[in-house]
Each structure stands twice: as C-alpha cells, then as structure tokens.
PDB file of all heavy atoms in Angstrom:
ATOM      1  N   ALA A   1     103.933 127.410  86.921  1.00  0.00           N
ATOM      2  CA  ALA A   1     105.123 127.584  86.101  1.00  0.00           C
ATOM      3  C   ALA A   1     106.313 126.635  86.462  1.00  0.00           C
ATOM      4  O   ALA A   1     107.213 126.547  85.701  1.00  0.00           O
ATOM      5  CB  ALA A   1     105.602 129.055  86.286  1.00  0.00           C
ATOM      6  N   LEU A   2     106.199 125.967  87.584  1.00  0.00           N
ATOM      7  CA  LEU A   2     107.251 125.063  87.964  1.00  0.00           C
ATOM      8  C   LEU A   2     107.302 123.839  87.006  1.00  0.00           C
ATOM      9  O   LEU A   2     106.262 123.426  86.527  1.00  0.00           O
ATOM     10  CB  LEU A   2     107.007 124.532  89.392  1.00  0.00           C
ATOM     11  CG  LEU A   2     107.200 125.557  90.507  1.00  0.00           C
ATOM     12  CD1 LEU A   2     106.760 124.971  91.873  1.00  0.00           C
ATOM     13  CD2 LEU A   2     108.580 126.043  90.544  1.00  0.00           C
ATOM     14  N   PRO A   3     108.504 123.304  86.802  1.00  0.00           N
ATOM     15  CA  PRO A   3     108.563 122.156  85.944  1.00  0.00           C
ATOM     16  C   PRO A   3     107.846 120.962  86.538  1.00  0.00           C
ATOM     17  O   PRO A   3     107.868 120.773  87.781  1.00  0.00           O
ATOM     18  CB  PRO A   3     110.054 121.843  85.812  1.00  0.00           C
ATOM     19  CG  PRO A   3     110.704 122.640  86.905  1.00  0.00           C
ATOM     20  CD  PRO A   3     109.768 123.723  87.305  1.00  0.00           C
ATOM     21  N   VAL A   4     107.179 120.150  85.759  1.00  0.00           N
ATOM     22  CA  VAL A   4     106.498 118.960  86.223  1.00  0.00           C
ATOM     23  C   VAL A   4     107.434 117.825  86.130  1.00  0.00           C
ATOM     24  O   VAL A   4     108.001 117.506  85.093  1.00  0.00           O
ATOM     25  CB  VAL A   4     105.217 118.739  85.344  1.00  0.00           C
ATOM     26  CG1 VAL A   4     104.540 117.471  85.843  1.00  0.00           C
ATOM     27  CG2 VAL A   4     104.274 119.938  85.512  1.00  0.00           C
ATOM     28  N   MET A   5     107.549 117.035  87.221  1.00  0.00           N
ATOM     29  CA  MET A   5     108.364 115.821  87.237  1.00  0.00           C
ATOM     30  C   MET A   5     107.478 114.626  86.934  1.00  0.00           C
ATOM     31  O   MET A   5     106.531 114.401  87.607  1.00  0.00           O
ATOM     32  CB  MET A   5     108.969 115.746  88.655  1.00  0.00           C
ATOM     33  CG  MET A   5     110.078 114.744  88.723  1.00  0.00           C
ATOM     34  SD  MET A   5     111.570 115.373  88.004  1.00  0.00           S
ATOM     35  CE  MET A   5     112.428 115.894  89.409  1.00  0.00           C
ATOM     36  N   PRO A   6     107.857 113.815  85.957  1.00  0.00           N
ATOM     37  CA  PRO A   6     107.034 112.662  85.613  1.00  0.00           C
ATOM     38  C   PRO A   6     107.010 111.679  86.841  1.00  0.00           C
ATOM     39  O   PRO A   6     107.954 111.629  87.629  1.00  0.00           O
ATOM     40  CB  PRO A   6     107.739 112.024  84.447  1.00  0.00           C
ATOM     41  CG  PRO A   6     108.995 112.742  84.206  1.00  0.00           C
ATOM     42  CD  PRO A   6     109.019 113.979  85.072  1.00  0.00           C
ATOM     43  N   ALA A   7     105.938 110.938  86.914  1.00  0.00           N
ATOM     44  CA  ALA A   7     105.823 110.002  88.039  1.00  0.00           C
ATOM     45  C   ALA A   7     106.904 109.006  88.171  1.00  0.00           C
ATOM     46  O   ALA A   7     107.351 108.637  89.241  1.00  0.00           O
ATOM     47  CB  ALA A   7     104.442 109.315  87.947  1.00  0.00           C
ATOM     48  N   PHE A   8     107.427 108.521  87.006  1.00  0.00           N
ATOM     49  CA  PHE A   8     108.487 107.514  87.070  1.00  0.00           C
ATOM     50  C   PHE A   8     109.802 108.036  87.545  1.00  0.00           C
ATOM     51  O   PHE A   8     110.685 107.339  87.859  1.00  0.00           O
ATOM     52  CB  PHE A   8     108.675 106.824  85.719  1.00  0.00           C
ATOM     53  CG  PHE A   8     109.225 107.750  84.644  1.00  0.00           C
ATOM     54  CD1 PHE A   8     110.552 107.997  84.552  1.00  0.00           C
ATOM     55  CD2 PHE A   8     108.386 108.424  83.786  1.00  0.00           C
ATOM     56  CE1 PHE A   8     111.114 108.821  83.600  1.00  0.00           C
ATOM     57  CE2 PHE A   8     108.891 109.210  82.817  1.00  0.00           C
ATOM     58  CZ  PHE A   8     110.237 109.459  82.720  1.00  0.00           C
ATOM     59  N   ALA A   9     109.981 109.368  87.574  1.00  0.00           N
ATOM     60  CA  ALA A   9     111.242 109.927  88.055  1.00  0.00           C
ATOM     61  C   ALA A   9     111.542 109.550  89.459  1.00  0.00           C
ATOM     62  O   ALA A   9     112.771 109.493  89.797  1.00  0.00           O
ATOM     63  CB  ALA A   9     111.185 111.444  87.878  1.00  0.00           C
ATOM     64  N   GLN A  10     110.577 109.266  90.305  1.00  0.00           N
ATOM     65  CA  GLN A  10     110.876 108.858  91.620  1.00  0.00           C
ATOM     66  C   GLN A  10     111.620 107.506  91.713  1.00  0.00           C
ATOM     67  O   GLN A  10     112.341 107.274  92.690  1.00  0.00           O
ATOM     68  CB  GLN A  10     109.598 108.773  92.440  1.00  0.00           C
ATOM     69  CG  GLN A  10     108.945 110.150  92.643  1.00  0.00           C
ATOM     70  CD  GLN A  10     107.658 109.941  93.470  1.00  0.00           C
ATOM     71  OE1 GLN A  10     107.295 108.843  93.900  1.00  0.00           O
ATOM     72  NE2 GLN A  10     106.967 111.002  93.651  1.00  0.00           N
ATOM     73  N   SER A  11     111.465 106.665  90.747  1.00  0.00           N
ATOM     74  CA  SER A  11     112.140 105.390  90.768  1.00  0.00           C
ATOM     75  C   SER A  11     113.511 105.428  90.162  1.00  0.00           C
ATOM     76  O   SER A  11     114.205 104.442  90.164  1.00  0.00           O
ATOM     77  CB  SER A  11     111.249 104.342  90.081  1.00  0.00           C
ATOM     78  OG  SER A  11     111.228 104.591  88.674  1.00  0.00           O
ATOM     79  N   ARG A  12     113.973 106.540  89.630  1.00  0.00           N
ATOM     80  CA  ARG A  12     115.293 106.722  89.081  1.00  0.00           C
ATOM     81  C   ARG A  12     116.290 106.864  90.258  1.00  0.00           C
ATOM     82  O   ARG A  12     116.039 107.533  91.208  1.00  0.00           O
ATOM     83  CB  ARG A  12     115.351 107.914  88.203  1.00  0.00           C
ATOM     84  CG  ARG A  12     114.464 107.867  86.991  1.00  0.00           C
ATOM     85  CD  ARG A  12     115.211 107.192  85.856  1.00  0.00           C
ATOM     86  NE  ARG A  12     114.375 107.371  84.659  1.00  0.00           N
ATOM     87  CZ  ARG A  12     114.586 106.685  83.609  1.00  0.00           C
ATOM     88  NH1 ARG A  12     115.586 105.803  83.555  1.00  0.00           N
ATOM     89  NH2 ARG A  12     113.840 106.766  82.549  1.00  0.00           N
ATOM     90  N   PRO A  13     117.487 106.329  90.095  1.00  0.00           N
ATOM     91  CA  PRO A  13     118.497 106.584  91.083  1.00  0.00           C
ATOM     92  C   PRO A  13     118.870 108.057  91.118  1.00  0.00           C
ATOM     93  O   PRO A  13     118.754 108.742  90.089  1.00  0.00           O
ATOM     94  CB  PRO A  13     119.717 105.716  90.691  1.00  0.00           C
ATOM     95  CG  PRO A  13     119.320 105.049  89.429  1.00  0.00           C
ATOM     96  CD  PRO A  13     117.922 105.445  89.056  1.00  0.00           C
ATOM     97  N   LEU A  14     119.472 108.518  92.246  1.00  0.00           N
ATOM     98  CA  LEU A  14     119.851 109.925  92.290  1.00  0.00           C
ATOM     99  C   LEU A  14     120.960 110.212  91.320  1.00  0.00           C
ATOM    100  O   LEU A  14     120.986 111.272  90.654  1.00  0.00           O
ATOM    101  CB  LEU A  14     120.275 110.210  93.742  1.00  0.00           C
ATOM    102  CG  LEU A  14     119.190 110.154  94.782  1.00  0.00           C
ATOM    103  CD1 LEU A  14     119.768 110.372  96.156  1.00  0.00           C
ATOM    104  CD2 LEU A  14     118.169 111.126  94.465  1.00  0.00           C
ATOM    105  N   THR A  15     121.920 109.290  91.134  1.00  0.00           N
ATOM    106  CA  THR A  15     123.027 109.477  90.198  1.00  0.00           C
ATOM    107  C   THR A  15     123.192 108.240  89.372  1.00  0.00           C
ATOM    108  O   THR A  15     123.705 107.211  89.924  1.00  0.00           O
ATOM    109  CB  THR A  15     124.339 109.845  90.899  1.00  0.00           C
ATOM    110  OG1 THR A  15     124.553 108.857  91.908  1.00  0.00           O
ATOM    111  CG2 THR A  15     124.280 111.160  91.623  1.00  0.00           C
ATOM    112  N   CYS A  16     122.830 108.284  88.154  1.00  0.00           N
ATOM    113  CA  CYS A  16     122.956 107.069  87.273  1.00  0.00           C
ATOM    114  C   CYS A  16     124.432 106.781  86.961  1.00  0.00           C
ATOM    115  O   CYS A  16     124.786 105.726  86.627  1.00  0.00           O
ATOM    116  CB  CYS A  16     122.192 107.237  85.985  1.00  0.00           C
ATOM    117  SG  CYS A  16     120.406 107.214  86.280  1.00  0.00           S
ATOM    118  N   GLY A  17     125.288 107.862  87.067  1.00  0.00           N
ATOM    119  CA  GLY A  17     126.670 107.698  86.754  1.00  0.00           C
ATOM    120  C   GLY A  17     127.412 106.703  87.642  1.00  0.00           C
ATOM    121  O   GLY A  17     128.544 106.297  87.282  1.00  0.00           O
ATOM    122  N   GLU A  18     126.855 106.353  88.742  1.00  0.00           N
ATOM    123  CA  GLU A  18     127.539 105.497  89.701  1.00  0.00           C
ATOM    124  C   GLU A  18     126.934 104.088  89.657  1.00  0.00           C
ATOM    125  O   GLU A  18     125.752 103.897  89.720  1.00  0.00           O
ATOM    126  CB  GLU A  18     127.356 106.015  91.160  1.00  0.00           C
ATOM    127  CG  GLU A  18     128.038 107.331  91.378  1.00  0.00           C
ATOM    128  CD  GLU A  18     127.886 107.864  92.787  1.00  0.00           C
ATOM    129  OE1 GLU A  18     127.701 107.048  93.696  1.00  0.00           O
ATOM    130  OE2 GLU A  18     127.820 109.060  92.935  1.00  0.00           O
ATOM    131  N   LEU A  19     127.839 103.112  89.489  1.00  0.00           N
ATOM    132  CA  LEU A  19     127.341 101.745  89.439  1.00  0.00           C
ATOM    133  C   LEU A  19     126.839 101.299  90.813  1.00  0.00           C
ATOM    134  O   LEU A  19     127.353 101.793  91.856  1.00  0.00           O
ATOM    135  CB  LEU A  19     128.527 100.845  89.030  1.00  0.00           C
ATOM    136  CG  LEU A  19     129.076 100.995  87.662  1.00  0.00           C
ATOM    137  CD1 LEU A  19     130.365 100.142  87.475  1.00  0.00           C
ATOM    138  CD2 LEU A  19     128.107 100.690  86.581  1.00  0.00           C
ATOM    139  N   THR A  20     125.847 100.394  90.817  1.00  0.00           N
ATOM    140  CA  THR A  20     125.434  99.852  92.072  1.00  0.00           C
ATOM    141  C   THR A  20     126.544  99.117  92.765  1.00  0.00           C
ATOM    142  O   THR A  20     127.329  98.388  92.095  1.00  0.00           O
ATOM    143  CB  THR A  20     124.209  98.909  91.812  1.00  0.00           C
ATOM    144  OG1 THR A  20     123.148  99.638  91.163  1.00  0.00           O
ATOM    145  CG2 THR A  20     123.697  98.281  93.067  1.00  0.00           C
ATOM    146  N   GLU A  21     126.665  99.284  94.053  1.00  0.00           N
ATOM    147  CA  GLU A  21     127.702  98.650  94.855  1.00  0.00           C
ATOM    148  C   GLU A  21     127.595  97.153  94.800  1.00  0.00           C
ATOM    149  O   GLU A  21     126.523  96.555  94.970  1.00  0.00           O
ATOM    150  CB  GLU A  21     127.662  99.152  96.236  1.00  0.00           C
ATOM    151  CG  GLU A  21     128.742  98.665  97.148  1.00  0.00           C
ATOM    152  CD  GLU A  21     128.695  99.217  98.571  1.00  0.00           C
ATOM    153  OE1 GLU A  21     127.940 100.133  98.822  1.00  0.00           O
ATOM    154  OE2 GLU A  21     129.406  98.646  99.411  1.00  0.00           O
ATOM    155  N   ALA A  22     128.768  96.485  94.606  1.00  0.00           N
ATOM    156  CA  ALA A  22     128.878  95.042  94.576  1.00  0.00           C
ATOM    157  C   ALA A  22     128.958  94.604  96.060  1.00  0.00           C
ATOM    158  O   ALA A  22     129.530  95.274  96.902  1.00  0.00           O
ATOM    159  CB  ALA A  22     130.017  94.585  93.771  1.00  0.00           C
ATOM    160  N   GLN A  23     128.456  93.370  96.289  1.00  0.00           N
ATOM    161  CA  GLN A  23     128.647  92.715  97.608  1.00  0.00           C
ATOM    162  C   GLN A  23     128.804  91.229  97.360  1.00  0.00           C
ATOM    163  O   GLN A  23     128.578  90.761  96.246  1.00  0.00           O
ATOM    164  CB  GLN A  23     127.411  92.945  98.494  1.00  0.00           C
ATOM    165  CG  GLN A  23     127.294  94.336  99.013  1.00  0.00           C
ATOM    166  CD  GLN A  23     126.518  94.355 100.281  1.00  0.00           C
ATOM    167  OE1 GLN A  23     125.480  93.840 100.436  1.00  0.00           O
ATOM    168  NE2 GLN A  23     127.166  95.004 101.267  1.00  0.00           N
ATOM    169  N   THR A  24     129.240  90.558  98.379  1.00  0.00           N
ATOM    170  CA  THR A  24     129.466  89.087  98.319  1.00  0.00           C
ATOM    171  C   THR A  24     128.192  88.337  98.025  1.00  0.00           C
ATOM    172  O   THR A  24     127.075  88.777  98.361  1.00  0.00           O
ATOM    173  CB  THR A  24     130.036  88.562  99.683  1.00  0.00           C
ATOM    174  OG1 THR A  24     130.243  87.190  99.525  1.00  0.00           O
ATOM    175  CG2 THR A  24     129.084  88.854 100.842  1.00  0.00           C
ATOM    176  N   GLU A  25     128.296  87.241  97.217  1.00  0.00           N
ATOM    177  CA  GLU A  25     127.109  86.427  96.977  1.00  0.00           C
ATOM    178  C   GLU A  25     126.781  85.534  98.155  1.00  0.00           C
ATOM    179  O   GLU A  25     125.715  84.992  98.254  1.00  0.00           O
ATOM    180  CB  GLU A  25     127.316  85.645  95.715  1.00  0.00           C
ATOM    181  CG  GLU A  25     128.278  84.449  95.873  1.00  0.00           C
ATOM    182  CD  GLU A  25     128.432  83.669  94.542  1.00  0.00           C
ATOM    183  OE1 GLU A  25     128.260  84.273  93.457  1.00  0.00           O
ATOM    184  OE2 GLU A  25     128.849  82.529  94.628  1.00  0.00           O
ATOM    185  N   GLY A  26     127.718  85.384  99.083  1.00  0.00           N
ATOM    186  CA  GLY A  26     127.513  84.522 100.227  1.00  0.00           C
ATOM    187  C   GLY A  26     127.697  83.071  99.842  1.00  0.00           C
ATOM    188  O   GLY A  26     127.915  82.721  98.672  1.00  0.00           O
ATOM    189  N   PRO A  27     127.543  82.156 100.770  1.00  0.00           N
ATOM    190  CA  PRO A  27     127.829  80.715 100.486  1.00  0.00           C
ATOM    191  C   PRO A  27     126.644  79.996  99.850  1.00  0.00           C
ATOM    192  O   PRO A  27     126.783  78.758  99.601  1.00  0.00           O
ATOM    193  CB  PRO A  27     128.108  80.170 101.898  1.00  0.00           C
ATOM    194  CG  PRO A  27     127.274  81.020 102.815  1.00  0.00           C
ATOM    195  CD  PRO A  27     127.291  82.368 102.193  1.00  0.00           C
ATOM    196  N   PHE A  28     125.534  80.611  99.612  1.00  0.00           N
ATOM    197  CA  PHE A  28     124.291  79.873  99.235  1.00  0.00           C
ATOM    198  C   PHE A  28     123.846  80.048  97.822  1.00  0.00           C
ATOM    199  O   PHE A  28     122.716  79.692  97.466  1.00  0.00           O
ATOM    200  CB  PHE A  28     123.200  80.174 100.212  1.00  0.00           C
ATOM    201  CG  PHE A  28     123.555  79.846 101.611  1.00  0.00           C
ATOM    202  CD1 PHE A  28     123.713  80.830 102.555  1.00  0.00           C
ATOM    203  CD2 PHE A  28     123.792  78.488 101.979  1.00  0.00           C
ATOM    204  CE1 PHE A  28     124.077  80.543 103.853  1.00  0.00           C
ATOM    205  CE2 PHE A  28     124.166  78.203 103.315  1.00  0.00           C
ATOM    206  CZ  PHE A  28     124.245  79.216 104.249  1.00  0.00           C
ATOM    207  N   PHE A  29     124.637  80.690  96.942  1.00  0.00           N
ATOM    208  CA  PHE A  29     124.249  80.863  95.560  1.00  0.00           C
ATOM    209  C   PHE A  29     124.179  79.527  94.840  1.00  0.00           C
ATOM    210  O   PHE A  29     124.994  78.650  95.026  1.00  0.00           O
ATOM    211  CB  PHE A  29     125.191  81.782  94.815  1.00  0.00           C
ATOM    212  CG  PHE A  29     124.928  81.943  93.328  1.00  0.00           C
ATOM    213  CD1 PHE A  29     123.787  82.577  92.883  1.00  0.00           C
ATOM    214  CD2 PHE A  29     125.784  81.352  92.405  1.00  0.00           C
ATOM    215  CE1 PHE A  29     123.515  82.657  91.561  1.00  0.00           C
ATOM    216  CE2 PHE A  29     125.458  81.394  91.022  1.00  0.00           C
ATOM    217  CZ  PHE A  29     124.350  82.114  90.616  1.00  0.00           C
ATOM    218  N   LYS A  30     123.142  79.390  93.985  1.00  0.00           N
ATOM    219  CA  LYS A  30     123.047  78.203  93.143  1.00  0.00           C
ATOM    220  C   LYS A  30     122.806  78.566  91.706  1.00  0.00           C
ATOM    221  O   LYS A  30     122.152  79.576  91.393  1.00  0.00           O
ATOM    222  CB  LYS A  30     121.799  77.391  93.565  1.00  0.00           C
ATOM    223  CG  LYS A  30     121.943  76.647  94.866  1.00  0.00           C
ATOM    224  CD  LYS A  30     120.672  75.881  95.229  1.00  0.00           C
ATOM    225  CE  LYS A  30     120.424  74.753  94.330  1.00  0.00           C
ATOM    226  NZ  LYS A  30     119.311  73.880  94.750  1.00  0.00           N
ATOM    227  N   THR A  31     123.367  77.841  90.828  1.00  0.00           N
ATOM    228  CA  THR A  31     123.213  78.096  89.362  1.00  0.00           C
ATOM    229  C   THR A  31     121.940  77.342  88.913  1.00  0.00           C
ATOM    230  O   THR A  31     121.350  76.564  89.624  1.00  0.00           O
ATOM    231  CB  THR A  31     124.409  77.600  88.567  1.00  0.00           C
ATOM    232  OG1 THR A  31     124.598  76.204  88.816  1.00  0.00           O
ATOM    233  CG2 THR A  31     125.655  78.342  88.977  1.00  0.00           C
ATOM    234  N   ARG A  32     121.550  77.670  87.669  1.00  0.00           N
ATOM    235  CA  ARG A  32     120.399  77.008  87.025  1.00  0.00           C
ATOM    236  C   ARG A  32     119.118  77.168  87.760  1.00  0.00           C
ATOM    237  O   ARG A  32     118.314  76.216  87.886  1.00  0.00           O
ATOM    238  CB  ARG A  32     120.730  75.532  86.777  1.00  0.00           C
ATOM    239  CG  ARG A  32     121.959  75.341  85.842  1.00  0.00           C
ATOM    240  CD  ARG A  32     122.091  73.873  85.402  1.00  0.00           C
ATOM    241  NE  ARG A  32     123.235  73.791  84.503  1.00  0.00           N
ATOM    242  CZ  ARG A  32     124.277  73.108  84.761  1.00  0.00           C
ATOM    243  NH1 ARG A  32     124.402  72.445  85.901  1.00  0.00           N
ATOM    244  NH2 ARG A  32     125.317  73.065  83.900  1.00  0.00           N
ATOM    245  N   THR A  33     118.859  78.360  88.304  1.00  0.00           N
ATOM    246  CA  THR A  33     117.624  78.633  88.934  1.00  0.00           C
ATOM    247  C   THR A  33     116.453  78.677  87.894  1.00  0.00           C
ATOM    248  O   THR A  33     116.749  78.936  86.717  1.00  0.00           O
ATOM    249  CB  THR A  33     117.637  79.959  89.742  1.00  0.00           C
ATOM    250  OG1 THR A  33     117.905  81.031  88.746  1.00  0.00           O
ATOM    251  CG2 THR A  33     118.710  79.945  90.759  1.00  0.00           C
ATOM    252  N   PRO A  34     115.248  78.447  88.346  1.00  0.00           N
ATOM    253  CA  PRO A  34     114.160  78.457  87.380  1.00  0.00           C
ATOM    254  C   PRO A  34     113.834  79.906  86.941  1.00  0.00           C
ATOM    255  O   PRO A  34     114.036  80.872  87.667  1.00  0.00           O
ATOM    256  CB  PRO A  34     112.987  77.865  88.145  1.00  0.00           C
ATOM    257  CG  PRO A  34     113.350  78.005  89.592  1.00  0.00           C
ATOM    258  CD  PRO A  34     114.858  78.012  89.643  1.00  0.00           C
ATOM    259  N   LEU A  35     113.324  79.983  85.671  1.00  0.00           N
ATOM    260  CA  LEU A  35     112.881  81.274  85.152  1.00  0.00           C
ATOM    261  C   LEU A  35     111.520  81.565  85.738  1.00  0.00           C
ATOM    262  O   LEU A  35     110.558  80.818  85.497  1.00  0.00           O
ATOM    263  CB  LEU A  35     112.792  81.228  83.655  1.00  0.00           C
ATOM    264  CG  LEU A  35     112.245  82.447  82.940  1.00  0.00           C
ATOM    265  CD1 LEU A  35     113.123  83.691  83.194  1.00  0.00           C
ATOM    266  CD2 LEU A  35     112.054  82.166  81.420  1.00  0.00           C
ATOM    267  N   ARG A  36     111.436  82.574  86.616  1.00  0.00           N
ATOM    268  CA  ARG A  36     110.143  82.929  87.215  1.00  0.00           C
ATOM    269  C   ARG A  36     110.282  84.237  87.923  1.00  0.00           C
ATOM    270  O   ARG A  36     111.334  84.539  88.588  1.00  0.00           O
ATOM    271  CB  ARG A  36     109.678  81.869  88.202  1.00  0.00           C
ATOM    272  CG  ARG A  36     110.585  81.612  89.344  1.00  0.00           C
ATOM    273  CD  ARG A  36     110.078  80.431  90.216  1.00  0.00           C
ATOM    274  NE  ARG A  36     110.967  80.191  91.342  1.00  0.00           N
ATOM    275  CZ  ARG A  36     110.659  79.433  92.368  1.00  0.00           C
ATOM    276  NH1 ARG A  36     109.455  78.849  92.385  1.00  0.00           N
ATOM    277  NH2 ARG A  36     111.482  79.286  93.305  1.00  0.00           N
ATOM    278  N   ALA A  37     109.202  85.055  87.877  1.00  0.00           N
ATOM    279  CA  ALA A  37     109.210  86.364  88.541  1.00  0.00           C
ATOM    280  C   ALA A  37     108.510  86.273  89.917  1.00  0.00           C
ATOM    281  O   ALA A  37     108.539  87.254  90.637  1.00  0.00           O
ATOM    282  CB  ALA A  37     108.499  87.344  87.672  1.00  0.00           C
ATOM    283  N   SER A  38     107.980  85.168  90.264  1.00  0.00           N
ATOM    284  CA  SER A  38     107.328  84.968  91.529  1.00  0.00           C
ATOM    285  C   SER A  38     108.036  83.892  92.378  1.00  0.00           C
ATOM    286  O   SER A  38     108.105  82.739  91.918  1.00  0.00           O
ATOM    287  CB  SER A  38     105.826  84.627  91.432  1.00  0.00           C
ATOM    288  OG  SER A  38     105.281  84.381  92.706  1.00  0.00           O
TER     289      SER A  38
END
C-alpha cells in the first residue's frame, strides 16, 4: 500500500526551489571549447 517512488526520483535534488550554489570559475576557464560529451 506504500507509494512507489520512481527510479529517477533518486537523481532529483532534495529541493528544486533552491538554485545551485555559484562558485568562482578560477583562473583557468577558456572560451570556445569543443562540443563533446567525452
């Protein structure tokens, strides 16, 4: 009788209402990086 939680729910943040915290980019950011997922 308990509600079933979908598998993807584990990857959801605990509170979506809060923006992810910003941090410094540091001294090594470069523009025009290649499009690639690997």
